[in-house]
Amino acid sequence: MSEWVIPDDGIIDAIAVQIAARGQRRVRLTPVERRLAAALIVADGGTPYRVAKCLGISCWTAHTLVDSITANPPELAEVG
């Protein structure tokens, strides 16, 4: 697991998700938060490349994440 992925604690840090989705800086995220950040990027018209750059993940991981989001979108109401 990456040093930027932290264990899921059941709490969504909406501020960290927004910072990551905007690409302002790298932040440590849980897997759920990383998925939500990627979904925000995709919802804003972002590409897997943009997801990779904002979240500091490989393009392969970003493509897999985007494919997963496209197939089963998360609920973004609590984050957006």
N, C-alpha and C. Protein backbone atom coordinates (compact mmCIF):
# COMPACT_ATOMS: atom_id res chain seq x y z
N MET A 1 0.84 -1.17 0.00
CA MET A 1 0.00 0.00 0.00
C MET A 1 0.89 1.24 0.00
N SER A 2 0.47 2.27 -0.69
CA SER A 2 1.22 3.52 -0.80
C SER A 2 1.24 4.27 0.53
N GLU A 3 2.28 5.06 0.72
CA GLU A 3 2.34 5.89 1.92
C GLU A 3 1.24 6.95 1.92
N TRP A 4 0.63 7.20 0.77
CA TRP A 4 -0.42 8.20 0.65
C TRP A 4 -1.81 7.63 0.89
N VAL A 5 -1.91 6.31 1.03
CA VAL A 5 -3.19 5.67 1.32
C VAL A 5 -3.15 5.24 2.79
N ILE A 6 -4.14 5.70 3.54
CA ILE A 6 -4.20 5.37 4.96
C ILE A 6 -5.36 4.41 5.22
N PRO A 7 -5.32 3.70 6.32
CA PRO A 7 -6.40 2.75 6.62
C PRO A 7 -7.76 3.46 6.74
N ASP A 8 -8.78 2.77 6.30
CA ASP A 8 -10.14 3.31 6.38
C ASP A 8 -10.58 3.38 7.84
N ASP A 9 -10.98 4.57 8.27
CA ASP A 9 -11.43 4.75 9.65
C ASP A 9 -12.93 4.99 9.74
N GLY A 10 -13.62 4.89 8.59
CA GLY A 10 -15.06 5.07 8.58
C GLY A 10 -15.51 6.52 8.53
N ILE A 11 -14.56 7.45 8.49
CA ILE A 11 -14.88 8.88 8.45
C ILE A 11 -14.37 9.44 7.13
N ILE A 12 -15.23 10.21 6.46
CA ILE A 12 -14.83 10.86 5.21
C ILE A 12 -14.36 12.27 5.54
N ASP A 13 -13.12 12.56 5.21
CA ASP A 13 -12.57 13.91 5.38
C ASP A 13 -12.83 14.67 4.09
N ALA A 14 -13.95 15.40 4.06
CA ALA A 14 -14.38 16.10 2.85
C ALA A 14 -13.36 17.15 2.41
N ILE A 15 -12.69 17.77 3.36
CA ILE A 15 -11.69 18.78 3.00
C ILE A 15 -10.51 18.14 2.29
N ALA A 16 -10.04 17.02 2.81
CA ALA A 16 -8.92 16.31 2.16
C ALA A 16 -9.33 15.84 0.77
N VAL A 17 -10.56 15.37 0.63
CA VAL A 17 -11.05 14.92 -0.68
C VAL A 17 -11.05 16.09 -1.66
N GLN A 18 -11.55 17.26 -1.23
CA GLN A 18 -11.58 18.44 -2.10
C GLN A 18 -10.17 18.90 -2.49
N ILE A 19 -9.27 18.92 -1.53
CA ILE A 19 -7.88 19.32 -1.82
C ILE A 19 -7.27 18.39 -2.86
N ALA A 20 -7.47 17.10 -2.68
CA ALA A 20 -6.93 16.12 -3.63
C ALA A 20 -7.57 16.28 -5.00
N ALA A 21 -8.89 16.43 -5.03
CA ALA A 21 -9.60 16.53 -6.31
C ALA A 21 -9.21 17.78 -7.09
N ARG A 22 -8.88 18.84 -6.37
CA ARG A 22 -8.46 20.08 -7.04
C ARG A 22 -7.00 20.04 -7.46
N GLY A 23 -6.28 19.04 -6.96
CA GLY A 23 -4.86 18.92 -7.30
C GLY A 23 -4.01 19.98 -6.63
N GLN A 24 -4.51 20.54 -5.52
CA GLN A 24 -3.78 21.60 -4.83
C GLN A 24 -2.47 21.08 -4.24
N ARG A 25 -2.53 19.90 -3.65
CA ARG A 25 -1.34 19.25 -3.11
C ARG A 25 -1.71 17.81 -2.79
N ARG A 26 -0.69 16.99 -2.57
CA ARG A 26 -0.93 15.59 -2.21
C ARG A 26 -1.40 15.52 -0.77
N VAL A 27 -2.38 14.72 -0.52
CA VAL A 27 -2.86 14.48 0.84
C VAL A 27 -3.03 12.98 1.03
N ARG A 28 -2.91 12.55 2.27
CA ARG A 28 -3.12 11.13 2.58
C ARG A 28 -4.62 10.89 2.63
N LEU A 29 -5.07 9.87 1.91
CA LEU A 29 -6.49 9.55 1.82
C LEU A 29 -6.72 8.08 2.11
N THR A 30 -7.91 7.78 2.61
CA THR A 30 -8.33 6.38 2.72
C THR A 30 -8.72 5.92 1.32
N PRO A 31 -8.85 4.63 1.09
CA PRO A 31 -9.30 4.17 -0.23
C PRO A 31 -10.66 4.77 -0.63
N VAL A 32 -11.57 4.92 0.31
CA VAL A 32 -12.88 5.50 0.02
C VAL A 32 -12.73 6.97 -0.38
N GLU A 33 -11.91 7.71 0.35
CA GLU A 33 -11.68 9.13 0.03
C GLU A 33 -11.01 9.28 -1.33
N ARG A 34 -10.07 8.39 -1.64
CA ARG A 34 -9.39 8.45 -2.94
C ARG A 34 -10.39 8.21 -4.07
N ARG A 35 -11.29 7.26 -3.86
CA ARG A 35 -12.33 6.99 -4.86
C ARG A 35 -13.26 8.21 -5.03
N LEU A 36 -13.62 8.84 -3.93
CA LEU A 36 -14.47 10.03 -4.00
C LEU A 36 -13.76 11.18 -4.70
N ALA A 37 -12.49 11.38 -4.40
CA ALA A 37 -11.72 12.44 -5.07
C ALA A 37 -11.66 12.18 -6.57
N ALA A 38 -11.40 10.93 -6.94
CA ALA A 38 -11.36 10.58 -8.36
C ALA A 38 -12.72 10.81 -9.01
N ALA A 39 -13.78 10.47 -8.31
CA ALA A 39 -15.13 10.67 -8.85
C ALA A 39 -15.42 12.15 -9.06
N LEU A 40 -14.97 13.00 -8.17
CA LEU A 40 -15.15 14.45 -8.35
C LEU A 40 -14.39 14.94 -9.58
N ILE A 41 -13.20 14.43 -9.77
CA ILE A 41 -12.40 14.81 -10.94
C ILE A 41 -13.12 14.38 -12.22
N VAL A 42 -13.60 13.14 -12.24
CA VAL A 42 -14.31 12.61 -13.41
C VAL A 42 -15.60 13.39 -13.65
N ALA A 43 -16.33 13.70 -12.58
CA ALA A 43 -17.59 14.44 -12.71
C ALA A 43 -17.36 15.84 -13.28
N ASP A 44 -16.16 16.37 -13.07
CA ASP A 44 -15.81 17.69 -13.60
C ASP A 44 -15.21 17.59 -15.00
N GLY A 45 -15.29 16.40 -15.61
CA GLY A 45 -14.77 16.22 -16.96
C GLY A 45 -13.33 15.76 -17.02
N GLY A 46 -12.77 15.40 -15.88
CA GLY A 46 -11.38 14.97 -15.84
C GLY A 46 -11.16 13.61 -16.48
N THR A 47 -9.97 13.41 -16.93
CA THR A 47 -9.55 12.16 -17.57
C THR A 47 -8.79 11.30 -16.57
N PRO A 48 -8.55 10.04 -16.92
CA PRO A 48 -7.70 9.23 -16.05
C PRO A 48 -6.31 9.87 -15.83
N TYR A 49 -5.79 10.54 -16.83
CA TYR A 49 -4.51 11.23 -16.68
C TYR A 49 -4.60 12.30 -15.60
N ARG A 50 -5.67 13.06 -15.61
CA ARG A 50 -5.88 14.11 -14.59
C ARG A 50 -6.02 13.47 -13.20
N VAL A 51 -6.75 12.37 -13.12
CA VAL A 51 -6.89 11.64 -11.85
C VAL A 51 -5.51 11.22 -11.35
N ALA A 52 -4.69 10.67 -12.24
CA ALA A 52 -3.35 10.22 -11.86
C ALA A 52 -2.52 11.39 -11.34
N LYS A 53 -2.55 12.52 -12.02
CA LYS A 53 -1.77 13.68 -11.61
C LYS A 53 -2.24 14.25 -10.29
N CYS A 54 -3.53 14.42 -10.12
CA CYS A 54 -4.07 15.00 -8.89
C CYS A 54 -3.86 14.11 -7.67
N LEU A 55 -3.99 12.81 -7.87
CA LEU A 55 -3.92 11.89 -6.74
C LEU A 55 -2.54 11.26 -6.58
N GLY A 56 -1.65 11.52 -7.52
CA GLY A 56 -0.30 10.97 -7.42
C GLY A 56 -0.27 9.47 -7.54
N ILE A 57 -1.07 8.94 -8.45
CA ILE A 57 -1.12 7.49 -8.67
C ILE A 57 -0.70 7.20 -10.10
N SER A 58 -0.42 5.95 -10.38
CA SER A 58 -0.01 5.58 -11.73
C SER A 58 -1.19 5.73 -12.69
N CYS A 59 -0.87 5.88 -13.96
CA CYS A 59 -1.93 5.97 -14.98
C CYS A 59 -2.75 4.68 -15.01
N TRP A 60 -2.09 3.54 -14.82
CA TRP A 60 -2.80 2.26 -14.81
C TRP A 60 -3.80 2.23 -13.67
N THR A 61 -3.37 2.64 -12.47
CA THR A 61 -4.26 2.67 -11.31
C THR A 61 -5.40 3.66 -11.56
N ALA A 62 -5.09 4.80 -12.14
CA ALA A 62 -6.11 5.80 -12.44
C ALA A 62 -7.15 5.25 -13.42
N HIS A 63 -6.70 4.57 -14.46
CA HIS A 63 -7.64 3.98 -15.43
C HIS A 63 -8.55 2.97 -14.74
N THR A 64 -7.97 2.13 -13.89
CA THR A 64 -8.76 1.14 -13.16
C THR A 64 -9.78 1.82 -12.26
N LEU A 65 -9.35 2.86 -11.57
CA LEU A 65 -10.24 3.61 -10.68
C LEU A 65 -11.36 4.29 -11.46
N VAL A 66 -11.03 4.92 -12.56
CA VAL A 66 -12.04 5.59 -13.38
C VAL A 66 -13.03 4.58 -13.97
N ASP A 67 -12.54 3.45 -14.43
CA ASP A 67 -13.43 2.40 -14.94
C ASP A 67 -14.40 1.94 -13.85
N SER A 68 -13.89 1.78 -12.65
CA SER A 68 -14.72 1.37 -11.52
C SER A 68 -15.77 2.43 -11.19
N ILE A 69 -15.38 3.69 -11.23
CA ILE A 69 -16.30 4.79 -10.94
C ILE A 69 -17.37 4.89 -12.01
N THR A 70 -16.96 4.73 -13.25
CA THR A 70 -17.91 4.79 -14.37
C THR A 70 -18.94 3.67 -14.27
N ALA A 71 -18.50 2.49 -13.87
CA ALA A 71 -19.39 1.33 -13.76
C ALA A 71 -20.30 1.41 -12.54
N ASN A 72 -19.79 2.03 -11.46
CA ASN A 72 -20.55 2.08 -10.21
C ASN A 72 -20.24 3.39 -9.50
N PRO A 73 -20.88 4.50 -9.92
CA PRO A 73 -20.56 5.82 -9.36
C PRO A 73 -20.90 5.92 -7.87
N PRO A 74 -20.01 6.54 -7.09
CA PRO A 74 -20.30 6.75 -5.67
C PRO A 74 -21.24 7.93 -5.49
N GLU A 75 -21.84 8.05 -4.33
CA GLU A 75 -22.70 9.19 -3.99
C GLU A 75 -21.79 10.35 -3.62
N LEU A 76 -21.89 11.45 -4.36
CA LEU A 76 -21.00 12.59 -4.14
C LEU A 76 -21.64 13.70 -3.31
N ALA A 77 -22.90 13.58 -2.96
CA ALA A 77 -23.62 14.66 -2.29
C ALA A 77 -22.93 15.13 -1.02
N GLU A 78 -22.38 14.22 -0.23
CA GLU A 78 -21.78 14.62 1.03
C GLU A 78 -20.41 15.24 0.88
N VAL A 79 -19.82 15.16 -0.31
CA VAL A 79 -18.47 15.68 -0.50
C VAL A 79 -18.48 16.97 -1.31
N GLY A 80 -19.28 17.00 -2.38
CA GLY A 80 -19.28 18.12 -3.31
C GLY A 80 -19.73 19.37 -2.70
